[in-house]
Amino acid sequence: MRFGFDVDDTLINLREYAFHYYQEQLGQKVDIDIFHALNRVEIHEAFGLSDDEGKKMWNQSLDFLYFTDCPLYPGALELLKQLESEGHDIFYITSRPPEHTENTFSWLINQGFPVIRENFFCGMKDSEKAGIIKDLNLDYYFDDKPAVLDTLTNDPVKAIVKDQSYNRHLDLPRVENWDELGDLINSEIK
């Protein structure tokens, strides 16, 4: 089978990592419950920043956020290794900015993810992901962003949502953690 995975906030806990980084950088203590209640992907409003200020801070923080110690979701690496060992094709499709393509690919390798060059796609806009997903003829695709998942509702790919506060309105199969995803995938492919 062919499995596609987004990177940020599906394989790794990027937004929460950024939330803690913002607290340190801005010298503000913001309760984690505020983070878990955000109804949009962006986190800056929890710190009282405007959209322009938030975009500037996010863009200035990307190298740190992407390539330091952002934690993997527990079970993510193990499930992808299991899928690879069973002979499934694994694709990574991330809309990280194009200038981060090579470092992202290297970072995935350094973390131990089973990734090969021809199955790694980076640098597209969220709106362009659907075309790549369709062209790859994936059986399953796992992401967190409504802007991407909404484009897949009538496609043959089975879209699965990584539960986040900003995507709870989506009516798609949903998992809160990687153990649940493993159980779902294993029950369907056996």
C-alpha atoms as a PDB file:
ATOM      1  CA  MET A   1       0.000   0.000   0.000  1.00  0.00           C
ATOM      2  CA  ARG A   2       0.967   3.616  -0.440  1.00  0.00           C
ATOM      3  CA  PHE A   3       0.983   5.882   2.638  1.00  0.00           C
ATOM      4  CA  GLY A   4       1.468   9.644   2.653  1.00  0.00           C
ATOM      5  CA  PHE A   5       2.347  11.736   5.677  1.00  0.00           C
ATOM      6  CA  ASP A   6       2.562  15.416   6.390  1.00  0.00           C
ATOM      7  CA  VAL A   7       5.464  16.350   8.701  1.00  0.00           C
ATOM      8  CA  ASP A   8       4.533  19.287  10.937  1.00  0.00           C
ATOM      9  CA  ASP A   9       1.922  18.568  13.579  1.00  0.00           C
ATOM     10  CA  THR A  10       1.473  15.047  12.308  1.00  0.00           C
ATOM     11  CA  LEU A  11       4.914  13.430  12.694  1.00  0.00           C
ATOM     12  CA  ILE A  12       6.281  16.113  14.992  1.00  0.00           C
ATOM     13  CA  ASN A  13       4.706  18.355  17.625  1.00  0.00           C
ATOM     14  CA  LEU A  14       5.829  21.596  15.968  1.00  0.00           C
ATOM     15  CA  ARG A  15       3.139  24.037  17.115  1.00  0.00           C
ATOM     16  CA  GLU A  16       3.465  23.124  20.792  1.00  0.00           C
ATOM     17  CA  TYR A  17       7.254  23.286  20.483  1.00  0.00           C
ATOM     18  CA  ALA A  18       6.851  26.758  18.956  1.00  0.00           C
ATOM     19  CA  PHE A  19       4.428  27.740  21.706  1.00  0.00           C
ATOM     20  CA  HIS A  20       7.049  27.043  24.380  1.00  0.00           C
ATOM     21  CA  TYR A  21       9.732  28.769  22.302  1.00  0.00           C
ATOM     22  CA  TYR A  22       7.546  31.861  21.935  1.00  0.00           C
ATOM     23  CA  GLN A  23       7.063  31.991  25.712  1.00  0.00           C
ATOM     24  CA  GLU A  24      10.823  32.036  26.156  1.00  0.00           C
ATOM     25  CA  GLN A  25      11.485  34.532  23.359  1.00  0.00           C
ATOM     26  CA  LEU A  26       8.694  36.914  24.374  1.00  0.00           C
ATOM     27  CA  GLY A  27       9.160  36.525  28.122  1.00  0.00           C
ATOM     28  CA  GLN A  28       5.483  35.643  28.522  1.00  0.00           C
ATOM     29  CA  LYS A  29       3.973  32.790  30.493  1.00  0.00           C
ATOM     30  CA  VAL A  30       0.843  31.615  28.680  1.00  0.00           C
ATOM     31  CA  ASP A  31      -1.168  28.692  30.022  1.00  0.00           C
ATOM     32  CA  ILE A  32      -0.989  25.571  27.840  1.00  0.00           C
ATOM     33  CA  ASP A  33      -4.794  25.351  27.949  1.00  0.00           C
ATOM     34  CA  ILE A  34      -4.887  28.498  25.799  1.00  0.00           C
ATOM     35  CA  PHE A  35      -2.737  26.709  23.217  1.00  0.00           C
ATOM     36  CA  HIS A  36      -5.019  23.661  23.261  1.00  0.00           C
ATOM     37  CA  ALA A  37      -8.070  25.878  22.682  1.00  0.00           C
ATOM     38  CA  LEU A  38      -6.759  27.714  19.595  1.00  0.00           C
ATOM     39  CA  ASN A  39      -9.122  27.315  16.663  1.00  0.00           C
ATOM     40  CA  ARG A  40      -6.558  28.126  13.980  1.00  0.00           C
ATOM     41  CA  VAL A  41      -3.164  26.760  13.038  1.00  0.00           C
ATOM     42  CA  GLU A  42      -1.336  29.965  13.920  1.00  0.00           C
ATOM     43  CA  ILE A  43      -0.323  30.381  17.568  1.00  0.00           C
ATOM     44  CA  HIS A  44       0.607  34.062  17.771  1.00  0.00           C
ATOM     45  CA  GLU A  45      -2.717  35.400  19.033  1.00  0.00           C
ATOM     46  CA  ALA A  46      -2.166  33.543  22.320  1.00  0.00           C
ATOM     47  CA  PHE A  47       0.682  36.000  22.854  1.00  0.00           C
ATOM     48  CA  GLY A  48      -1.256  39.109  21.838  1.00  0.00           C
ATOM     49  CA  LEU A  49       0.516  39.427  18.483  1.00  0.00           C
ATOM     50  CA  SER A  50      -1.197  40.686  15.336  1.00  0.00           C
ATOM     51  CA  ASP A  51      -1.240  38.494  12.228  1.00  0.00           C
ATOM     52  CA  ASP A  52       1.646  40.514  10.743  1.00  0.00           C
ATOM     53  CA  GLU A  53       3.673  40.295  13.953  1.00  0.00           C
ATOM     54  CA  GLY A  54       2.913  36.584  14.229  1.00  0.00           C
ATOM     55  CA  LYS A  55       3.957  35.891  10.648  1.00  0.00           C
ATOM     56  CA  LYS A  56       7.202  37.791  11.174  1.00  0.00           C
ATOM     57  CA  MET A  57       8.002  35.903  14.380  1.00  0.00           C
ATOM     58  CA  TRP A  58       7.152  32.537  12.804  1.00  0.00           C
ATOM     59  CA  ASN A  59       9.351  33.196   9.771  1.00  0.00           C
ATOM     60  CA  GLN A  60      12.250  34.362  11.964  1.00  0.00           C
ATOM     61  CA  SER A  61      11.940  31.223  14.097  1.00  0.00           C
ATOM     62  CA  LEU A  62      11.741  28.562  11.379  1.00  0.00           C
ATOM     63  CA  ASP A  63      15.359  27.388  11.387  1.00  0.00           C
ATOM     64  CA  PHE A  64      15.254  26.887  15.147  1.00  0.00           C
ATOM     65  CA  LEU A  65      11.813  25.267  15.158  1.00  0.00           C
ATOM     66  CA  TYR A  66      12.418  22.941  12.226  1.00  0.00           C
ATOM     67  CA  PHE A  67      15.936  21.753  12.917  1.00  0.00           C
ATOM     68  CA  THR A  68      16.584  21.611  16.654  1.00  0.00           C
ATOM     69  CA  ASP A  69      14.852  19.397  19.195  1.00  0.00           C
ATOM     70  CA  CYS A  70      11.216  19.475  18.148  1.00  0.00           C
ATOM     71  CA  PRO A  71       9.796  16.254  19.598  1.00  0.00           C
ATOM     72  CA  LEU A  72       8.422  13.472  17.459  1.00  0.00           C
ATOM     73  CA  TYR A  73       4.962  12.295  18.384  1.00  0.00           C
ATOM     74  CA  PRO A  74       5.350   9.063  20.361  1.00  0.00           C
ATOM     75  CA  GLY A  75       4.924   6.078  18.067  1.00  0.00           C
ATOM     76  CA  ALA A  76       5.318   7.985  14.777  1.00  0.00           C
ATOM     77  CA  LEU A  77       8.795   6.749  13.940  1.00  0.00           C
ATOM     78  CA  GLU A  78       8.007   3.192  15.024  1.00  0.00           C
ATOM     79  CA  LEU A  79       4.867   2.982  12.868  1.00  0.00           C
ATOM     80  CA  LEU A  80       6.615   4.309   9.763  1.00  0.00           C
ATOM     81  CA  LYS A  81       9.464   1.838  10.268  1.00  0.00           C
ATOM     82  CA  GLN A  82       6.913  -0.962  10.674  1.00  0.00           C
ATOM     83  CA  LEU A  83       5.139   0.039   7.453  1.00  0.00           C
ATOM     84  CA  GLU A  84       8.449   0.145   5.599  1.00  0.00           C
ATOM     85  CA  SER A  85       9.501  -3.260   6.945  1.00  0.00           C
ATOM     86  CA  GLU A  86       6.197  -4.695   5.717  1.00  0.00           C
ATOM     87  CA  GLY A  87       6.981  -3.446   2.193  1.00  0.00           C
ATOM     88  CA  HIS A  88       4.635  -0.451   2.031  1.00  0.00           C
ATOM     89  CA  ASP A  89       5.605   2.726   0.205  1.00  0.00           C
ATOM     90  CA  ILE A  90       5.951   5.792   2.422  1.00  0.00           C
ATOM     91  CA  PHE A  91       5.741   9.341   1.101  1.00  0.00           C
ATOM     92  CA  TYR A  92       6.391  12.607   2.921  1.00  0.00           C
ATOM     93  CA  ILE A  93       4.488  15.638   1.656  1.00  0.00           C
ATOM     94  CA  THR A  94       5.190  18.882   3.478  1.00  0.00           C
ATOM     95  CA  SER A  95       4.430  22.466   2.593  1.00  0.00           C
ATOM     96  CA  ARG A  96       7.480  23.761   4.419  1.00  0.00           C
ATOM     97  CA  PRO A  97       9.044  26.600   2.410  1.00  0.00           C
ATOM     98  CA  PRO A  98      11.215  25.460  -0.531  1.00  0.00           C
ATOM     99  CA  GLU A  99      14.401  26.858   1.007  1.00  0.00           C
ATOM    100  CA  HIS A 100      14.044  24.280   3.803  1.00  0.00           C
ATOM    101  CA  THR A 101      13.782  21.262   1.501  1.00  0.00           C
ATOM    102  CA  GLU A 102      17.312  19.872   1.826  1.00  0.00           C
ATOM    103  CA  ASN A 103      17.575  20.479   5.563  1.00  0.00           C
ATOM    104  CA  THR A 104      14.159  18.888   6.127  1.00  0.00           C
ATOM    105  CA  PHE A 105      15.143  15.809   4.124  1.00  0.00           C
ATOM    106  CA  SER A 106      18.400  15.505   6.103  1.00  0.00           C
ATOM    107  CA  TRP A 107      16.578  16.084   9.388  1.00  0.00           C
ATOM    108  CA  LEU A 108      14.139  13.245   8.650  1.00  0.00           C
ATOM    109  CA  ILE A 109      17.056  10.920   7.905  1.00  0.00           C
ATOM    110  CA  ASN A 110      18.881  11.992  11.075  1.00  0.00           C
ATOM    111  CA  GLN A 111      15.754  11.267  13.131  1.00  0.00           C
ATOM    112  CA  GLY A 112      15.652   7.745  11.671  1.00  0.00           C
ATOM    113  CA  PHE A 113      12.606   8.083   9.418  1.00  0.00           C
ATOM    114  CA  PRO A 114      12.552   5.689   6.468  1.00  0.00           C
ATOM    115  CA  VAL A 115      12.746   8.286   3.692  1.00  0.00           C
ATOM    116  CA  ILE A 116      14.084   8.106   0.163  1.00  0.00           C
ATOM    117  CA  ARG A 117      14.564  11.081  -2.142  1.00  0.00           C
ATOM    118  CA  GLU A 118      11.927  10.162  -4.726  1.00  0.00           C
ATOM    119  CA  ASN A 119       9.269   9.812  -2.002  1.00  0.00           C
ATOM    120  CA  PHE A 120       9.934  13.210  -0.423  1.00  0.00           C
ATOM    121  CA  PHE A 121       7.958  16.278  -1.517  1.00  0.00           C
ATOM    122  CA  CYS A 122       8.568  19.694  -0.010  1.00  0.00           C
ATOM    123  CA  GLY A 123       8.072  23.335  -0.876  1.00  0.00           C
ATOM    124  CA  MET A 124       4.552  23.436  -2.251  1.00  0.00           C
ATOM    125  CA  LYS A 125       1.657  25.500  -0.942  1.00  0.00           C
ATOM    126  CA  ASP A 126      -1.075  23.733   1.025  1.00  0.00           C
ATOM    127  CA  SER A 127      -3.386  24.171  -1.973  1.00  0.00           C
ATOM    128  CA  GLU A 128      -0.913  22.250  -4.164  1.00  0.00           C
ATOM    129  CA  LYS A 129      -0.654  19.221  -1.888  1.00  0.00           C
ATOM    130  CA  ALA A 130      -3.868  17.667  -3.184  1.00  0.00           C
ATOM    131  CA  GLY A 131      -2.469  17.431  -6.704  1.00  0.00           C
ATOM    132  CA  ILE A 132       0.649  15.665  -5.468  1.00  0.00           C
ATOM    133  CA  ILE A 133      -1.397  13.308  -3.313  1.00  0.00           C
ATOM    134  CA  LYS A 134      -3.626  12.448  -6.284  1.00  0.00           C
ATOM    135  CA  ASP A 135      -0.665  11.978  -8.634  1.00  0.00           C
ATOM    136  CA  LEU A 136       0.964   9.591  -6.168  1.00  0.00           C
ATOM    137  CA  ASN A 137      -2.192   7.467  -6.083  1.00  0.00           C
ATOM    138  CA  LEU A 138      -1.952   7.086  -2.308  1.00  0.00           C
ATOM    139  CA  ASP A 139      -4.129   4.657  -0.398  1.00  0.00           C
ATOM    140  CA  TYR A 140      -3.876   6.664   2.870  1.00  0.00           C
ATOM    141  CA  TYR A 141      -2.889  10.201   3.666  1.00  0.00           C
ATOM    142  CA  PHE A 142      -2.370  11.615   7.178  1.00  0.00           C
ATOM    143  CA  ASP A 143      -2.417  15.380   7.881  1.00  0.00           C
ATOM    144  CA  ASP A 144      -3.653  17.968  10.356  1.00  0.00           C
ATOM    145  CA  LYS A 145      -4.580  20.957   8.200  1.00  0.00           C
ATOM    146  CA  PRO A 146      -8.193  21.505   7.169  1.00  0.00           C
ATOM    147  CA  ALA A 147      -7.018  23.445   4.079  1.00  0.00           C
ATOM    148  CA  VAL A 148      -5.390  20.250   2.795  1.00  0.00           C
ATOM    149  CA  LEU A 149      -7.826  17.631   4.070  1.00  0.00           C
ATOM    150  CA  ASP A 150     -10.880  19.488   2.720  1.00  0.00           C
ATOM    151  CA  THR A 151      -9.489  19.038  -0.799  1.00  0.00           C
ATOM    152  CA  LEU A 152      -9.393  15.243  -0.421  1.00  0.00           C
ATOM    153  CA  THR A 153     -12.939  14.479   0.688  1.00  0.00           C
ATOM    154  CA  ASN A 154     -14.071  13.186  -2.726  1.00  0.00           C
ATOM    155  CA  ASP A 155     -10.861  11.393  -3.654  1.00  0.00           C
ATOM    156  CA  PRO A 156     -10.127   7.674  -3.465  1.00  0.00           C
ATOM    157  CA  VAL A 157      -7.330   8.280  -0.922  1.00  0.00           C
ATOM    158  CA  LYS A 158      -8.419   7.618   2.641  1.00  0.00           C
ATOM    159  CA  ALA A 159      -7.640  10.854   4.481  1.00  0.00           C
ATOM    160  CA  ILE A 160      -7.011  10.580   8.211  1.00  0.00           C
ATOM    161  CA  VAL A 161      -6.884  13.580  10.537  1.00  0.00           C
ATOM    162  CA  LYS A 162      -4.274  14.030  13.277  1.00  0.00           C
ATOM    163  CA  ASP A 163      -6.498  15.568  15.915  1.00  0.00           C
ATOM    164  CA  GLN A 164      -5.740  19.217  16.691  1.00  0.00           C
ATOM    165  CA  SER A 165      -7.886  21.933  18.264  1.00  0.00           C
ATOM    166  CA  TYR A 166      -8.247  23.728  14.914  1.00  0.00           C
ATOM    167  CA  ASN A 167      -9.488  20.722  12.904  1.00  0.00           C
ATOM    168  CA  ARG A 168     -12.229  19.258  15.088  1.00  0.00           C
ATOM    169  CA  HIS A 169     -14.922  20.383  12.650  1.00  0.00           C
ATOM    170  CA  LEU A 170     -13.677  17.947   9.989  1.00  0.00           C
ATOM    171  CA  ASP A 171     -15.830  14.877   9.467  1.00  0.00           C
ATOM    172  CA  LEU A 172     -13.062  12.423   8.603  1.00  0.00           C
ATOM    173  CA  PRO A 173     -11.479   9.475  10.394  1.00  0.00           C
ATOM    174  CA  ARG A 174      -9.532  11.014  13.267  1.00  0.00           C
ATOM    175  CA  VAL A 175      -6.789   9.841  15.596  1.00  0.00           C
ATOM    176  CA  GLU A 176      -5.416  11.542  18.673  1.00  0.00           C
ATOM    177  CA  ASN A 177      -2.159   9.616  18.808  1.00  0.00           C
ATOM    178  CA  TRP A 178       0.025   7.328  16.747  1.00  0.00           C
ATOM    179  CA  ASP A 179      -1.023   4.173  18.580  1.00  0.00           C
ATOM    180  CA  GLU A 180      -4.583   4.818  17.376  1.00  0.00           C
ATOM    181  CA  LEU A 181      -3.307   5.374  13.832  1.00  0.00           C
ATOM    182  CA  GLY A 182      -1.330   2.130  13.988  1.00  0.00           C
ATOM    183  CA  ASP A 183      -4.392   0.245  15.208  1.00  0.00           C
ATOM    184  CA  LEU A 184      -6.546   1.777  12.442  1.00  0.00           C
ATOM    185  CA  ILE A 185      -4.038   1.038   9.677  1.00  0.00           C
ATOM    186  CA  ASN A 186      -3.239  -2.456  10.935  1.00  0.00           C
ATOM    187  CA  SER A 187      -6.931  -3.364  11.182  1.00  0.00           C
ATOM    188  CA  GLU A 188      -7.555  -2.215   7.610  1.00  0.00           C
ATOM    189  CA  ILE A 189      -4.548  -3.760   5.867  1.00  0.00           C
ATOM    190  CA  LYS A 190      -4.706  -7.196   7.457  1.00  0.00           C
END
